[in-house]
Amino acid sequence: MDKHKIYTMSFAKVYPHYLAKAEKKGRTKSEVDEIIRWLTGYSQAELERQLESQTDFETFLAEAPQLNPSRSLIKGVICGVRVEDIEEPTMQDIRYLDKLIDELAKGKAMEKILRKP
């Protein structure tokens, strides 16, 4: 079975779209980066290295230092699909990130986006 196109796409190609979506709604690059770091466990320097090296999305997630265990608390619909129902782990993590960026763009507080009690 062929991999979904997003798996082989460079994370650095998708990243500007995350930024544009957030910034269009008055949010910041630092908030986008904080969300990515929260989800993946990358430091800011590691995130920037991943962007510079044009790592594909699948590798970006596979090499993540520590995928946040609280990501399972992310619920809702993205692209017409409930993220909690996606069975393929890599695709689910990609959609988790999409959902978090959507929440940021919709004005949700960072504490709620990052699932802080």
Protein backbone atom coordinates (compact mmCIF):
# COMPACT_ATOMS: atom_id res chain seq x y z
CA MET A 1 0.00 0.00 0.00
CA ASP A 2 1.36 3.42 -0.96
CA LYS A 3 2.09 5.92 1.76
CA HIS A 4 -0.06 9.01 2.00
CA LYS A 5 1.59 11.98 0.28
CA ILE A 6 1.89 13.91 3.57
CA TYR A 7 4.32 11.29 4.96
CA THR A 8 6.95 12.04 2.33
CA MET A 9 6.35 15.79 2.26
CA SER A 10 8.97 17.93 3.94
CA PHE A 11 7.82 19.19 7.34
CA ALA A 12 9.50 22.49 6.40
CA LYS A 13 7.03 22.84 3.49
CA VAL A 14 4.00 22.47 5.77
CA TYR A 15 5.37 24.62 8.61
CA PRO A 16 4.82 27.99 6.80
CA HIS A 17 1.16 27.04 6.35
CA TYR A 18 0.83 26.46 10.10
CA LEU A 19 2.44 29.86 10.69
CA ALA A 20 0.24 31.64 8.16
CA LYS A 21 -2.93 30.12 9.60
CA ALA A 22 -1.98 31.21 13.12
CA GLU A 23 -0.60 34.65 12.24
CA LYS A 24 -3.66 35.47 10.13
CA LYS A 25 -5.67 35.17 13.36
CA GLY A 26 -3.25 37.24 15.44
CA ARG A 27 -1.27 34.37 16.95
CA THR A 28 2.52 34.11 16.91
CA LYS A 29 5.34 31.95 15.59
CA SER A 30 6.44 31.30 19.17
CA GLU A 31 2.98 29.86 19.97
CA VAL A 32 3.13 27.60 16.90
CA ASP A 33 6.61 26.45 17.91
CA GLU A 34 5.47 25.86 21.51
CA ILE A 35 2.67 23.62 20.26
CA ILE A 36 5.06 21.63 18.05
CA ARG A 37 7.57 21.29 20.90
CA TRP A 38 4.79 20.21 23.31
CA LEU A 39 3.58 17.53 20.90
CA THR A 40 6.98 16.20 19.82
CA GLY A 41 9.43 16.89 22.63
CA TYR A 42 11.84 18.69 20.31
CA SER A 43 13.77 21.63 21.76
CA GLN A 44 13.62 24.89 19.78
CA ALA A 45 17.12 24.23 18.40
CA GLU A 46 16.17 20.67 17.38
CA LEU A 47 12.98 21.93 15.74
CA GLU A 48 14.96 24.48 13.74
CA ARG A 49 17.46 21.79 12.68
CA GLN A 50 14.59 19.59 11.48
CA LEU A 51 13.21 22.50 9.45
CA GLU A 52 16.63 23.28 7.95
CA SER A 53 17.26 19.65 7.00
CA GLN A 54 13.93 19.39 5.13
CA THR A 55 13.01 16.24 7.07
CA ASP A 56 9.91 14.49 5.76
CA PHE A 57 6.85 14.42 8.01
CA GLU A 58 7.10 10.70 8.80
CA THR A 59 10.76 10.99 9.86
CA PHE A 60 10.06 14.22 11.76
CA LEU A 61 7.54 12.35 13.94
CA ALA A 62 9.51 9.09 14.11
CA GLU A 63 12.59 10.96 15.39
CA ALA A 64 10.61 13.07 17.87
CA PRO A 65 12.37 12.85 21.24
CA GLN A 66 9.15 12.24 23.21
CA LEU A 67 5.66 12.36 21.74
CA ASN A 68 3.53 13.87 24.47
CA PRO A 69 1.42 11.19 26.20
CA SER A 70 -1.30 13.83 26.76
CA ARG A 71 -1.84 14.01 22.99
CA SER A 72 -4.50 11.32 23.44
CA LEU A 73 -6.60 14.03 25.12
CA ILE A 74 -6.90 15.81 21.76
CA LYS A 75 -10.41 15.23 20.43
CA GLY A 76 -12.42 16.62 17.57
CA VAL A 77 -12.76 16.71 13.83
CA ILE A 78 -10.10 17.69 11.33
CA CYS A 79 -10.59 17.32 7.59
CA GLY A 80 -13.94 15.66 8.30
CA VAL A 81 -12.41 12.88 10.43
CA ARG A 82 -12.43 12.48 14.21
CA VAL A 83 -8.76 12.53 15.27
CA GLU A 84 -9.38 10.07 18.10
CA ASP A 85 -10.70 7.50 15.56
CA ILE A 86 -7.67 7.52 13.25
CA GLU A 87 -6.04 4.11 13.53
CA GLU A 88 -2.69 4.71 11.82
CA PRO A 89 -0.41 6.25 14.50
CA THR A 90 1.65 8.52 12.23
CA MET A 91 -1.43 9.92 10.51
CA GLN A 92 -3.07 10.41 13.89
CA ASP A 93 -0.07 12.40 15.14
CA ILE A 94 -0.12 14.54 11.99
CA ARG A 95 -3.83 15.24 12.51
CA TYR A 96 -3.23 15.97 16.21
CA LEU A 97 -0.84 18.72 15.13
CA ASP A 98 -3.37 20.00 12.59
CA LYS A 99 -6.03 20.10 15.31
CA LEU A 100 -3.78 21.97 17.74
CA ILE A 101 -2.96 24.61 15.10
CA ASP A 102 -6.69 24.93 14.34
CA GLU A 103 -7.40 25.50 18.02
CA LEU A 104 -4.68 28.17 18.13
CA ALA A 105 -6.14 29.92 15.08
CA LYS A 106 -9.60 29.81 16.66
CA GLY A 107 -8.32 31.79 19.64
CA LYS A 108 -8.21 29.06 22.24
CA ALA A 109 -5.96 29.74 25.25
CA MET A 110 -2.55 28.04 25.19
CA GLU A 111 -3.26 26.28 28.50
CA LYS A 112 -6.28 24.59 26.93
CA ILE A 113 -4.47 23.79 23.67
CA LEU A 114 -1.63 22.16 25.62
CA ARG A 115 -4.15 20.24 27.73
CA LYS A 116 -2.93 21.69 31.02
CA PRO A 117 -5.14 20.94 34.04
